[in-house]
Amino acid sequence: MPGQIGRPFTVLASWLGGWSRLVLLVVVVVGLGAGLLWEQNRHPLLPAGASQPNESIVGDLRQTTYRYQGSIADVRAFYRQTLPSQGWRYCGTQATEHCSNMIQLVDRPGDAVDVYRRADDQQNRGSTIEIWPVDTQNGQTYVTVFETRGR
């Protein structure tokens, strides 16, 4: 019976040209799976009812935008409740010193942008999630979520 369990691996190794290639294949498959899982878990959740999501990546910055039927306060409450369970802590606003990894825009007050950092980032040098909600004056909130890499 034990010989029958190992037989498929022996056949596969022989088909691939040796045990070293089989081990390399296993390492690559495991690495791809771990990378996909990390990438999937990296994105912040969108609140129920979010519509028209759009994502783009520019350099070290990932930007996700969406529309939400609710207020800015609702968006902020959603992220303050959701992100800690994903390992993020509320750092403050963009106006909080050493909190944001992004430059502050002149036409946006810094306290309008919530900034989250990894819970273990006590030096404030790691990645951030920065939530920029804007009231569209028609009962919707337009939200931009920036994910930055560390400094």
N, C-alpha and C. Protein backbone atom coordinates (compact mmCIF):
# COMPACT_ATOMS: atom_id res chain seq x y z
N MET A 1 0.80 -1.20 0.00
CA MET A 1 0.00 0.00 0.00
C MET A 1 0.85 1.28 0.00
N PRO A 2 1.90 1.40 0.86
CA PRO A 2 2.71 2.61 0.85
C PRO A 2 3.36 2.87 -0.51
N GLY A 3 3.72 1.82 -1.23
CA GLY A 3 4.32 1.99 -2.54
C GLY A 3 3.35 2.57 -3.54
N GLN A 4 2.06 2.29 -3.35
CA GLN A 4 1.04 2.80 -4.26
C GLN A 4 0.82 4.30 -4.06
N ILE A 5 1.02 4.79 -2.85
CA ILE A 5 0.84 6.22 -2.58
C ILE A 5 1.93 7.03 -3.28
N GLY A 6 3.15 6.55 -3.25
CA GLY A 6 4.28 7.27 -3.85
C GLY A 6 4.39 7.10 -5.35
N ARG A 7 3.69 6.11 -5.90
CA ARG A 7 3.81 5.84 -7.33
C ARG A 7 3.42 7.03 -8.21
N PRO A 8 2.32 7.75 -7.94
CA PRO A 8 2.00 8.90 -8.81
C PRO A 8 3.10 9.96 -8.80
N PHE A 9 3.74 10.17 -7.64
CA PHE A 9 4.82 11.15 -7.57
C PHE A 9 6.04 10.69 -8.36
N THR A 10 6.32 9.39 -8.30
CA THR A 10 7.44 8.84 -9.06
C THR A 10 7.19 8.99 -10.56
N VAL A 11 5.96 8.71 -10.98
CA VAL A 11 5.61 8.85 -12.41
C VAL A 11 5.72 10.31 -12.83
N LEU A 12 5.19 11.22 -12.00
CA LEU A 12 5.24 12.65 -12.31
C LEU A 12 6.69 13.14 -12.38
N ALA A 13 7.52 12.72 -11.42
CA ALA A 13 8.93 13.11 -11.42
C ALA A 13 9.63 12.60 -12.67
N SER A 14 9.32 11.38 -13.05
CA SER A 14 9.94 10.82 -14.24
C SER A 14 9.47 11.56 -15.50
N TRP A 15 8.20 11.95 -15.53
CA TRP A 15 7.65 12.68 -16.68
C TRP A 15 8.27 14.07 -16.79
N LEU A 16 8.53 14.71 -15.63
CA LEU A 16 9.12 16.05 -15.63
C LEU A 16 10.63 16.03 -15.84
N GLY A 17 11.25 14.88 -15.75
CA GLY A 17 12.69 14.79 -15.99
C GLY A 17 13.50 14.74 -14.71
N GLY A 18 12.88 14.38 -13.60
CA GLY A 18 13.63 14.23 -12.35
C GLY A 18 12.93 14.86 -11.16
N TRP A 19 13.42 14.44 -9.98
CA TRP A 19 12.84 14.91 -8.73
C TRP A 19 13.05 16.41 -8.52
N SER A 20 14.19 16.92 -8.98
CA SER A 20 14.46 18.35 -8.77
C SER A 20 13.44 19.21 -9.50
N ARG A 21 13.02 18.79 -10.66
CA ARG A 21 12.01 19.55 -11.41
C ARG A 21 10.63 19.44 -10.75
N LEU A 22 10.33 18.29 -10.17
CA LEU A 22 9.07 18.14 -9.45
C LEU A 22 9.04 19.06 -8.23
N VAL A 23 10.15 19.10 -7.50
CA VAL A 23 10.22 19.98 -6.33
C VAL A 23 10.10 21.43 -6.76
N LEU A 24 10.75 21.81 -7.84
CA LEU A 24 10.66 23.17 -8.36
C LEU A 24 9.22 23.50 -8.74
N LEU A 25 8.54 22.58 -9.39
CA LEU A 25 7.13 22.79 -9.76
C LEU A 25 6.27 23.00 -8.52
N VAL A 26 6.47 22.20 -7.49
CA VAL A 26 5.69 22.34 -6.25
C VAL A 26 5.96 23.70 -5.62
N VAL A 27 7.23 24.11 -5.58
CA VAL A 27 7.58 25.41 -5.00
C VAL A 27 6.90 26.55 -5.78
N VAL A 28 6.92 26.47 -7.09
CA VAL A 28 6.30 27.51 -7.92
C VAL A 28 4.79 27.56 -7.69
N VAL A 29 4.13 26.43 -7.66
CA VAL A 29 2.68 26.39 -7.45
C VAL A 29 2.31 26.93 -6.07
N VAL A 30 3.05 26.53 -5.05
CA VAL A 30 2.79 27.04 -3.70
C VAL A 30 3.04 28.55 -3.65
N GLY A 31 4.10 29.02 -4.28
CA GLY A 31 4.41 30.45 -4.31
C GLY A 31 3.33 31.25 -5.01
N LEU A 32 2.85 30.75 -6.14
CA LEU A 32 1.76 31.44 -6.85
C LEU A 32 0.50 31.50 -5.99
N GLY A 33 0.17 30.40 -5.35
CA GLY A 33 -1.01 30.37 -4.49
C GLY A 33 -0.89 31.35 -3.34
N ALA A 34 0.27 31.39 -2.70
CA ALA A 34 0.49 32.32 -1.58
C ALA A 34 0.44 33.76 -2.06
N GLY A 35 1.01 34.03 -3.22
CA GLY A 35 0.98 35.39 -3.77
C GLY A 35 -0.43 35.85 -4.10
N LEU A 36 -1.22 34.96 -4.68
CA LEU A 36 -2.61 35.30 -4.99
C LEU A 36 -3.42 35.54 -3.73
N LEU A 37 -3.20 34.72 -2.72
CA LEU A 37 -3.90 34.89 -1.45
C LEU A 37 -3.50 36.20 -0.79
N TRP A 38 -2.21 36.53 -0.80
CA TRP A 38 -1.74 37.80 -0.24
C TRP A 38 -2.36 38.97 -0.99
N GLU A 39 -2.36 38.92 -2.30
CA GLU A 39 -2.90 40.00 -3.11
C GLU A 39 -4.39 40.19 -2.85
N GLN A 40 -5.13 39.09 -2.74
CA GLN A 40 -6.56 39.16 -2.49
C GLN A 40 -6.84 39.76 -1.11
N ASN A 41 -6.07 39.38 -0.11
CA ASN A 41 -6.30 39.87 1.25
C ASN A 41 -5.79 41.28 1.46
N ARG A 42 -4.99 41.78 0.56
CA ARG A 42 -4.42 43.11 0.71
C ARG A 42 -5.45 44.21 0.47
N HIS A 43 -6.40 43.96 -0.38
CA HIS A 43 -7.39 44.98 -0.73
C HIS A 43 -8.37 45.22 0.41
N PRO A 44 -8.67 46.50 0.66
CA PRO A 44 -9.69 46.76 1.66
C PRO A 44 -11.06 46.36 1.13
N LEU A 45 -11.93 45.99 2.02
CA LEU A 45 -13.27 45.63 1.62
C LEU A 45 -14.05 46.87 1.19
N LEU A 46 -15.04 46.65 0.34
CA LEU A 46 -15.95 47.72 -0.03
C LEU A 46 -17.25 47.52 0.73
N PRO A 47 -17.89 48.60 1.16
CA PRO A 47 -19.14 48.43 1.90
C PRO A 47 -20.24 47.87 1.01
N ALA A 48 -21.19 47.17 1.63
CA ALA A 48 -22.34 46.67 0.87
C ALA A 48 -23.02 47.86 0.22
N GLY A 49 -23.39 47.71 -1.02
CA GLY A 49 -24.03 48.80 -1.74
C GLY A 49 -23.06 49.64 -2.55
N ALA A 50 -21.77 49.35 -2.47
CA ALA A 50 -20.80 50.08 -3.27
C ALA A 50 -21.04 49.75 -4.74
N SER A 51 -20.96 50.76 -5.59
CA SER A 51 -21.19 50.53 -7.02
C SER A 51 -20.10 51.19 -7.84
N GLN A 52 -19.99 50.77 -9.06
CA GLN A 52 -19.03 51.28 -10.03
C GLN A 52 -17.59 51.23 -9.52
N PRO A 53 -17.16 50.08 -8.94
CA PRO A 53 -15.77 50.02 -8.49
C PRO A 53 -14.80 50.04 -9.66
N ASN A 54 -13.70 50.72 -9.47
CA ASN A 54 -12.66 50.81 -10.49
C ASN A 54 -11.31 50.80 -9.78
N GLU A 55 -10.38 50.05 -10.31
CA GLU A 55 -9.07 49.94 -9.68
C GLU A 55 -7.98 50.22 -10.69
N SER A 56 -6.95 50.94 -10.24
CA SER A 56 -5.79 51.18 -11.09
C SER A 56 -4.54 51.18 -10.22
N ILE A 57 -3.41 50.89 -10.86
CA ILE A 57 -2.13 50.88 -10.17
C ILE A 57 -1.18 51.79 -10.92
N VAL A 58 -0.59 52.72 -10.18
CA VAL A 58 0.41 53.62 -10.75
C VAL A 58 1.63 53.57 -9.84
N GLY A 59 2.68 52.97 -10.32
CA GLY A 59 3.89 52.84 -9.51
C GLY A 59 3.62 52.05 -8.24
N ASP A 60 3.87 52.65 -7.10
CA ASP A 60 3.68 52.00 -5.80
C ASP A 60 2.33 52.32 -5.19
N LEU A 61 1.41 52.80 -5.98
CA LEU A 61 0.11 53.25 -5.47
C LEU A 61 -1.02 52.51 -6.16
N ARG A 62 -1.89 51.91 -5.36
CA ARG A 62 -3.10 51.27 -5.90
C ARG A 62 -4.27 52.17 -5.53
N GLN A 63 -5.09 52.50 -6.53
CA GLN A 63 -6.23 53.38 -6.30
C GLN A 63 -7.51 52.63 -6.65
N THR A 64 -8.44 52.60 -5.70
CA THR A 64 -9.76 52.01 -5.94
C THR A 64 -10.79 53.10 -5.71
N THR A 65 -11.69 53.26 -6.66
CA THR A 65 -12.76 54.24 -6.51
C THR A 65 -14.10 53.52 -6.61
N TYR A 66 -15.08 54.08 -5.96
CA TYR A 66 -16.45 53.56 -6.05
C TYR A 66 -17.43 54.61 -5.57
N ARG A 67 -18.70 54.37 -5.86
CA ARG A 67 -19.79 55.22 -5.38
C ARG A 67 -20.55 54.45 -4.31
N TYR A 68 -21.05 55.21 -3.32
CA TYR A 68 -21.73 54.58 -2.19
C TYR A 68 -22.99 55.37 -1.87
N GLN A 69 -24.10 54.68 -1.73
CA GLN A 69 -25.37 55.32 -1.35
C GLN A 69 -25.39 55.51 0.16
N GLY A 70 -24.83 56.58 0.62
CA GLY A 70 -24.76 56.86 2.04
C GLY A 70 -23.85 58.04 2.28
N SER A 71 -23.69 58.38 3.53
CA SER A 71 -22.94 59.59 3.90
C SER A 71 -21.45 59.29 4.08
N ILE A 72 -20.69 60.36 4.17
CA ILE A 72 -19.27 60.25 4.48
C ILE A 72 -19.08 59.59 5.84
N ALA A 73 -19.93 59.95 6.80
CA ALA A 73 -19.85 59.35 8.14
C ALA A 73 -20.07 57.84 8.07
N ASP A 74 -20.97 57.38 7.19
CA ASP A 74 -21.21 55.94 7.03
C ASP A 74 -19.97 55.24 6.48
N VAL A 75 -19.32 55.86 5.50
CA VAL A 75 -18.10 55.29 4.90
C VAL A 75 -17.00 55.19 5.96
N ARG A 76 -16.81 56.28 6.69
CA ARG A 76 -15.76 56.28 7.72
C ARG A 76 -16.05 55.24 8.79
N ALA A 77 -17.30 55.11 9.21
CA ALA A 77 -17.67 54.12 10.23
C ALA A 77 -17.43 52.71 9.71
N PHE A 78 -17.73 52.46 8.44
CA PHE A 78 -17.51 51.13 7.86
C PHE A 78 -16.03 50.74 7.97
N TYR A 79 -15.13 51.63 7.55
CA TYR A 79 -13.71 51.29 7.57
C TYR A 79 -13.16 51.22 8.99
N ARG A 80 -13.64 52.06 9.88
CA ARG A 80 -13.17 51.99 11.28
C ARG A 80 -13.60 50.70 11.95
N GLN A 81 -14.68 50.12 11.47
CA GLN A 81 -15.14 48.84 12.03
C GLN A 81 -14.48 47.66 11.32
N THR A 82 -14.24 47.76 10.02
CA THR A 82 -13.79 46.63 9.21
C THR A 82 -12.28 46.43 9.18
N LEU A 83 -11.52 47.50 9.00
CA LEU A 83 -10.08 47.36 8.79
C LEU A 83 -9.32 46.76 9.98
N PRO A 84 -9.68 47.05 11.24
CA PRO A 84 -8.94 46.42 12.33
C PRO A 84 -8.97 44.89 12.29
N SER A 85 -10.04 44.29 11.81
CA SER A 85 -10.10 42.83 11.73
C SER A 85 -9.18 42.29 10.63
N GLN A 86 -8.70 43.16 9.75
CA GLN A 86 -7.77 42.77 8.70
C GLN A 86 -6.33 43.15 9.06
N GLY A 87 -6.11 43.56 10.31
CA GLY A 87 -4.76 43.86 10.76
C GLY A 87 -4.35 45.31 10.61
N TRP A 88 -5.29 46.21 10.37
CA TRP A 88 -5.00 47.63 10.22
C TRP A 88 -5.45 48.38 11.47
N ARG A 89 -4.75 49.47 11.77
CA ARG A 89 -5.16 50.34 12.88
C ARG A 89 -5.37 51.74 12.34
N TYR A 90 -6.31 52.44 12.94
CA TYR A 90 -6.55 53.84 12.57
C TYR A 90 -5.38 54.66 13.07
N CYS A 91 -4.71 55.37 12.17
CA CYS A 91 -3.55 56.18 12.52
C CYS A 91 -3.96 57.62 12.80
N GLY A 92 -4.96 58.09 12.10
CA GLY A 92 -5.41 59.47 12.20
C GLY A 92 -5.87 59.95 10.85
N THR A 93 -5.72 61.23 10.62
CA THR A 93 -6.07 61.78 9.32
C THR A 93 -4.79 62.17 8.59
N GLN A 94 -4.97 62.63 7.38
CA GLN A 94 -3.80 63.05 6.61
C GLN A 94 -3.11 64.24 7.28
N ALA A 95 -3.84 64.96 8.11
CA ALA A 95 -3.27 66.10 8.83
C ALA A 95 -2.45 65.66 10.05
N THR A 96 -2.58 64.39 10.47
CA THR A 96 -1.82 63.88 11.61
C THR A 96 -0.36 63.70 11.19
N GLU A 97 0.54 64.29 11.96
CA GLU A 97 1.96 64.24 11.61
C GLU A 97 2.47 62.80 11.52
N HIS A 98 3.22 62.50 10.47
CA HIS A 98 3.86 61.20 10.21
C HIS A 98 2.85 60.07 10.00
N CYS A 99 1.64 60.40 9.64
CA CYS A 99 0.61 59.37 9.48
C CYS A 99 0.47 58.95 8.01
N SER A 100 0.42 59.90 7.11
CA SER A 100 0.17 59.62 5.70
C SER A 100 1.47 59.41 4.93
N ASN A 101 1.40 58.58 3.90
CA ASN A 101 2.52 58.42 2.97
C ASN A 101 2.35 59.29 1.73
N MET A 102 1.26 60.03 1.67
CA MET A 102 0.96 60.83 0.47
C MET A 102 1.11 62.31 0.78
N ILE A 103 1.29 63.09 -0.27
CA ILE A 103 1.34 64.54 -0.09
C ILE A 103 -0.08 65.05 0.14
N GLN A 104 -0.20 66.11 0.90
CA GLN A 104 -1.51 66.69 1.17
C GLN A 104 -1.83 67.68 0.06
N LEU A 105 -3.00 67.52 -0.53
CA LEU A 105 -3.43 68.42 -1.58
C LEU A 105 -3.97 69.71 -0.96
N VAL A 106 -3.70 70.82 -1.60
CA VAL A 106 -4.09 72.11 -1.07
C VAL A 106 -5.61 72.26 -1.02
N ASP A 107 -6.33 71.76 -2.02
CA ASP A 107 -7.78 71.96 -2.06
C ASP A 107 -8.56 70.96 -1.22
N ARG A 108 -7.88 70.05 -0.54
CA ARG A 108 -8.54 69.07 0.34
C ARG A 108 -7.99 69.24 1.75
N PRO A 109 -8.86 69.51 2.70
CA PRO A 109 -8.35 69.58 4.08
C PRO A 109 -7.83 68.22 4.52
N GLY A 110 -6.71 68.21 5.21
CA GLY A 110 -6.08 66.96 5.62
C GLY A 110 -6.93 66.12 6.55
N ASP A 111 -7.84 66.76 7.30
CA ASP A 111 -8.66 65.97 8.21
C ASP A 111 -9.81 65.28 7.50
N ALA A 112 -9.94 65.46 6.19
CA ALA A 112 -10.98 64.79 5.42
C ALA A 112 -10.55 63.41 4.96
N VAL A 113 -9.29 63.05 5.20
CA VAL A 113 -8.73 61.78 4.72
C VAL A 113 -8.33 60.93 5.92
N ASP A 114 -8.96 59.75 6.07
CA ASP A 114 -8.61 58.82 7.15
C ASP A 114 -7.45 57.95 6.69
N VAL A 115 -6.49 57.74 7.59
CA VAL A 115 -5.30 56.96 7.27
C VAL A 115 -5.21 55.77 8.22
N TYR A 116 -4.95 54.60 7.63
CA TYR A 116 -4.78 53.36 8.40
C TYR A 116 -3.41 52.80 8.11
N ARG A 117 -2.80 52.23 9.13
CA ARG A 117 -1.50 51.57 9.01
C ARG A 117 -1.62 50.17 9.58
N ARG A 118 -0.69 49.32 9.21
CA ARG A 118 -0.67 47.97 9.77
C ARG A 118 -0.56 48.09 11.29
N ALA A 119 -1.21 47.20 11.99
CA ALA A 119 -1.25 47.26 13.45
C ALA A 119 0.16 47.19 14.06
N ASP A 120 1.08 46.49 13.41
CA ASP A 120 2.42 46.34 13.96
C ASP A 120 3.41 47.41 13.47
N ASP A 121 2.93 48.39 12.73
CA ASP A 121 3.79 49.45 12.19
C ASP A 121 3.87 50.61 13.18
N GLN A 122 4.67 50.45 14.22
CA GLN A 122 4.79 51.47 15.25
C GLN A 122 5.68 52.64 14.83
N GLN A 123 6.51 52.45 13.81
CA GLN A 123 7.41 53.50 13.33
C GLN A 123 6.74 54.38 12.25
N ASN A 124 5.54 54.02 11.82
CA ASN A 124 4.81 54.74 10.77
C ASN A 124 5.63 54.86 9.48
N ARG A 125 6.21 53.73 9.06
CA ARG A 125 7.02 53.70 7.85
C ARG A 125 6.49 52.70 6.83
N GLY A 126 5.47 51.94 7.20
CA GLY A 126 4.97 50.89 6.32
C GLY A 126 3.86 51.37 5.40
N SER A 127 3.14 50.43 4.87
CA SER A 127 2.04 50.70 3.94
C SER A 127 0.90 51.43 4.64
N THR A 128 0.12 52.15 3.85
CA THR A 128 -1.08 52.80 4.38
C THR A 128 -2.28 52.50 3.49
N ILE A 129 -3.44 52.60 4.09
CA ILE A 129 -4.70 52.66 3.35
C ILE A 129 -5.29 54.01 3.71
N GLU A 130 -5.55 54.82 2.68
CA GLU A 130 -6.04 56.17 2.91
C GLU A 130 -7.39 56.33 2.22
N ILE A 131 -8.40 56.69 3.01
CA ILE A 131 -9.79 56.74 2.55
C ILE A 131 -10.17 58.20 2.31
N TRP A 132 -10.53 58.52 1.07
CA TRP A 132 -10.90 59.88 0.68
C TRP A 132 -12.37 59.89 0.27
N PRO A 133 -13.31 60.12 1.17
CA PRO A 133 -14.72 60.20 0.77
C PRO A 133 -15.10 61.64 0.40
N VAL A 134 -15.92 61.80 -0.64
CA VAL A 134 -16.39 63.12 -1.09
C VAL A 134 -17.89 63.04 -1.27
N ASP A 135 -18.62 63.99 -0.67
CA ASP A 135 -20.07 64.06 -0.83
C ASP A 135 -20.38 64.59 -2.23
N THR A 136 -21.20 63.87 -2.99
CA THR A 136 -21.52 64.29 -4.35
C THR A 136 -22.77 65.15 -4.41
N GLN A 137 -23.37 65.47 -3.30
CA GLN A 137 -24.55 66.32 -3.19
C GLN A 137 -25.82 65.71 -3.78
N ASN A 138 -25.79 64.43 -4.12
CA ASN A 138 -26.99 63.77 -4.63
C ASN A 138 -27.31 62.50 -3.84
N GLY A 139 -26.91 62.48 -2.58
CA GLY A 139 -27.17 61.33 -1.73
C GLY A 139 -26.14 60.23 -1.86
N GLN A 140 -25.13 60.47 -2.66
CA GLN A 140 -24.06 59.49 -2.84
C GLN A 140 -22.75 60.05 -2.32
N THR A 141 -21.86 59.13 -2.00
CA THR A 141 -20.50 59.51 -1.63
C THR A 141 -19.56 58.87 -2.64
N TYR A 142 -18.66 59.66 -3.18
CA TYR A 142 -17.64 59.15 -4.10
C TYR A 142 -16.41 58.88 -3.24
N VAL A 143 -15.93 57.64 -3.26
CA VAL A 143 -14.85 57.24 -2.37
C VAL A 143 -13.63 56.82 -3.19
N THR A 144 -12.48 57.31 -2.79
CA THR A 144 -11.21 56.87 -3.35
C THR A 144 -10.41 56.26 -2.22
N VAL A 145 -9.95 55.04 -2.44
CA VAL A 145 -9.13 54.33 -1.46
C VAL A 145 -7.74 54.20 -2.06
N PHE A 146 -6.75 54.80 -1.42
CA PHE A 146 -5.36 54.68 -1.86
C PHE A 146 -4.66 53.68 -0.97
N GLU A 147 -3.95 52.76 -1.57
CA GLU A 147 -3.08 51.83 -0.85
C GLU A 147 -1.66 52.16 -1.25
N THR A 148 -0.84 52.54 -0.28
CA THR A 148 0.53 52.94 -0.57
C THR A 148 1.50 51.91 0.00
N ARG A 149 2.69 51.91 -0.52
CA ARG A 149 3.76 51.09 0.04
C ARG A 149 4.48 51.91 1.09
N GLY A 150 5.32 51.26 1.86
CA GLY A 150 6.07 51.94 2.91
C GLY A 150 7.07 52.93 2.37
N ARG A 151 7.50 53.80 3.26
CA ARG A 151 8.48 54.83 2.87
C ARG A 151 9.87 54.28 2.96
